[in-house]
Amino acid sequence: MSALPSMPPFHLAFPVRDLTEARAFYGGLLGCPEGRSSENWVDFNFYGHQIVAHLAPDECASVRTSSVDSHNVPVRHFGAVLDMNTWQALAATLTRAGTRFIIEPYIRFKGEPGEQATMFFLDPSGNALEFKSFKNLASLFAK
């Protein structure tokens, strides 16, 4: 059994159109272990945090964007901050799987406080995800 992170884990519930798709995407492609489930929802261990995919096809909607660093970033998104090796491995896995990125893996804010590797893509239900890794994690909230 994995230990809990030193920081309290967050909990996020979000809509999906199909639980089988969600299991294949979060459990299969992203490698998030499955927790409890029912016929209407499923928990995943999302890098030490609890996310819950709820069957709610009518709640899956289009993605609005906002300009950040010359990219159209999905306003509503979630993800995780990973160490660089894990981020690079995930980027390679997603690329090999033919993932259609909203924003291809790249380095954002290069040479500035908060320099980070980032990538954006959608799950099968249209939920936007961002995974990032900081050159210096201490700059996570740097101005």
Protein backbone atom coordinates (compact mmCIF):
# COMPACT_ATOMS: atom_id res chain seq x y z
CA MET A 1 0.00 0.00 0.00
CA SER A 2 1.40 3.41 -0.93
CA ALA A 3 1.89 6.03 1.76
CA LEU A 4 -0.07 9.25 1.65
CA PRO A 5 1.84 12.32 0.47
CA SER A 6 3.12 14.75 3.12
CA MET A 7 0.64 17.30 1.76
CA PRO A 8 -3.06 16.50 2.18
CA PRO A 9 -4.38 14.96 -1.04
CA PHE A 10 -7.03 16.87 -2.96
CA HIS A 11 -10.32 15.40 -4.14
CA LEU A 12 -11.83 16.23 -7.52
CA ALA A 13 -15.06 14.89 -9.02
CA PHE A 14 -15.67 15.40 -12.74
CA PRO A 15 -18.13 14.23 -15.42
CA VAL A 16 -17.45 11.54 -18.01
CA ARG A 17 -19.60 10.19 -20.80
CA ASP A 18 -18.58 6.54 -20.34
CA LEU A 19 -16.95 4.75 -17.39
CA THR A 20 -15.30 2.10 -19.58
CA GLU A 21 -13.56 4.89 -21.54
CA ALA A 22 -12.58 6.60 -18.28
CA ARG A 23 -11.10 3.37 -16.91
CA ALA A 24 -9.09 2.82 -20.11
CA PHE A 25 -7.83 6.41 -20.15
CA TYR A 26 -7.10 7.09 -16.46
CA GLY A 27 -6.31 3.55 -15.38
CA GLY A 28 -4.76 2.26 -18.61
CA LEU A 29 -3.07 5.15 -20.42
CA LEU A 30 -2.25 7.35 -17.42
CA GLY A 31 -1.56 4.39 -15.09
CA CYS A 32 -3.75 5.63 -12.22
CA PRO A 33 -4.79 2.73 -9.96
CA GLU A 34 -8.52 2.30 -9.56
CA GLY A 35 -10.14 2.56 -6.14
CA ARG A 36 -13.77 2.18 -5.18
CA SER A 37 -16.47 2.27 -7.81
CA SER A 38 -20.14 1.80 -8.53
CA GLU A 39 -22.19 1.62 -11.70
CA ASN A 40 -22.17 5.46 -11.75
CA TRP A 41 -18.66 6.47 -10.67
CA VAL A 42 -15.07 5.28 -10.23
CA ASP A 43 -12.22 6.56 -8.01
CA PHE A 44 -8.65 6.81 -9.27
CA ASN A 45 -5.38 7.38 -7.42
CA PHE A 46 -4.17 10.37 -9.43
CA TYR A 47 -0.54 10.71 -8.32
CA GLY A 48 -1.57 10.47 -4.67
CA HIS A 49 -4.79 12.45 -5.05
CA GLN A 50 -8.36 11.19 -5.33
CA ILE A 51 -10.23 11.91 -8.53
CA VAL A 52 -13.69 10.54 -9.18
CA ALA A 53 -15.11 10.08 -12.65
CA HIS A 54 -18.90 10.41 -12.43
CA LEU A 55 -21.09 9.13 -15.23
CA ALA A 56 -22.77 12.37 -16.37
CA PRO A 57 -22.68 12.63 -20.18
CA ASP A 58 -24.85 15.76 -20.19
CA GLU A 59 -22.26 17.58 -18.06
CA CYS A 60 -19.43 17.06 -20.57
CA ALA A 61 -19.05 20.34 -22.42
CA SER A 62 -16.84 22.33 -24.74
CA VAL A 63 -13.59 23.87 -23.55
CA ARG A 64 -13.11 27.65 -23.28
CA THR A 65 -9.57 28.97 -23.54
CA SER A 66 -7.49 31.85 -22.24
CA SER A 67 -4.23 33.15 -23.75
CA VAL A 68 -1.16 32.17 -21.74
CA ASP A 69 2.38 32.36 -23.11
CA SER A 70 1.07 32.60 -26.71
CA HIS A 71 -1.11 29.49 -26.32
CA ASN A 72 -4.84 28.99 -25.90
CA VAL A 73 -4.96 27.27 -22.53
CA PRO A 74 -8.21 25.52 -21.54
CA VAL A 75 -9.64 27.57 -18.67
CA ARG A 76 -11.21 24.59 -16.91
CA HIS A 77 -8.55 21.91 -16.46
CA PHE A 78 -6.86 19.79 -13.84
CA GLY A 79 -3.65 17.84 -13.65
CA ALA A 80 -0.56 17.22 -11.61
CA VAL A 81 2.88 18.65 -11.03
CA LEU A 82 5.36 15.83 -11.62
CA ASP A 83 9.10 15.48 -11.28
CA MET A 84 10.86 15.95 -14.62
CA ASN A 85 11.64 12.26 -15.22
CA THR A 86 8.01 11.27 -14.62
CA TRP A 87 6.78 14.16 -16.81
CA GLN A 88 9.11 13.16 -19.66
CA ALA A 89 8.06 9.50 -19.40
CA LEU A 90 4.37 10.48 -19.46
CA ALA A 91 4.92 12.78 -22.46
CA ALA A 92 6.63 9.90 -24.30
CA THR A 93 3.83 7.45 -23.39
CA LEU A 94 1.15 9.89 -24.59
CA THR A 95 3.04 10.60 -27.81
CA ARG A 96 3.48 6.88 -28.55
CA ALA A 97 -0.25 6.37 -27.91
CA GLY A 98 -1.06 8.99 -30.54
CA THR A 99 -2.52 11.49 -28.09
CA ARG A 100 -3.83 14.63 -29.76
CA PHE A 101 -2.36 17.42 -27.66
CA ILE A 102 -4.10 20.75 -27.23
CA ILE A 103 -0.64 22.10 -26.37
CA GLU A 104 2.30 19.87 -27.27
CA PRO A 105 4.85 19.19 -24.52
CA TYR A 106 7.18 22.21 -24.26
CA ILE A 107 9.00 24.50 -21.82
CA ARG A 108 6.91 27.50 -20.75
CA PHE A 109 8.27 30.74 -19.26
CA LYS A 110 11.83 29.74 -20.24
CA GLY A 111 14.43 31.67 -18.24
CA GLU A 112 11.76 33.28 -16.03
CA PRO A 113 10.60 32.52 -12.51
CA GLY A 114 8.24 29.59 -12.78
CA GLU A 115 9.98 27.97 -15.77
CA GLN A 116 8.12 24.73 -16.38
CA ALA A 117 7.55 21.87 -18.75
CA THR A 118 3.86 21.60 -19.64
CA MET A 119 1.41 19.77 -21.89
CA PHE A 120 -2.35 19.85 -22.34
CA PHE A 121 -4.71 17.23 -23.77
CA LEU A 122 -8.30 16.06 -23.41
CA ASP A 123 -9.66 12.87 -21.92
CA PRO A 124 -12.25 10.97 -24.02
CA SER A 125 -15.07 13.00 -22.41
CA GLY A 126 -13.49 16.36 -23.26
CA ASN A 127 -12.04 17.16 -19.83
CA ALA A 128 -8.82 19.14 -20.22
CA LEU A 129 -5.73 17.97 -18.36
CA GLU A 130 -2.40 19.69 -17.80
CA PHE A 131 0.72 17.99 -16.57
CA LYS A 132 3.69 20.10 -15.66
CA SER A 133 7.13 19.89 -14.12
CA PHE A 134 9.11 22.81 -12.75
CA LYS A 135 12.78 23.44 -13.35
CA ASN A 136 12.83 24.45 -9.68
CA LEU A 137 9.81 23.28 -7.68
CA ALA A 138 10.44 26.09 -5.19
CA SER A 139 9.27 28.46 -7.96
CA LEU A 140 5.80 26.87 -8.08
CA PHE A 141 4.21 30.09 -6.80
CA ALA A 142 6.97 32.54 -7.83
CA LYS A 143 5.91 35.91 -9.24
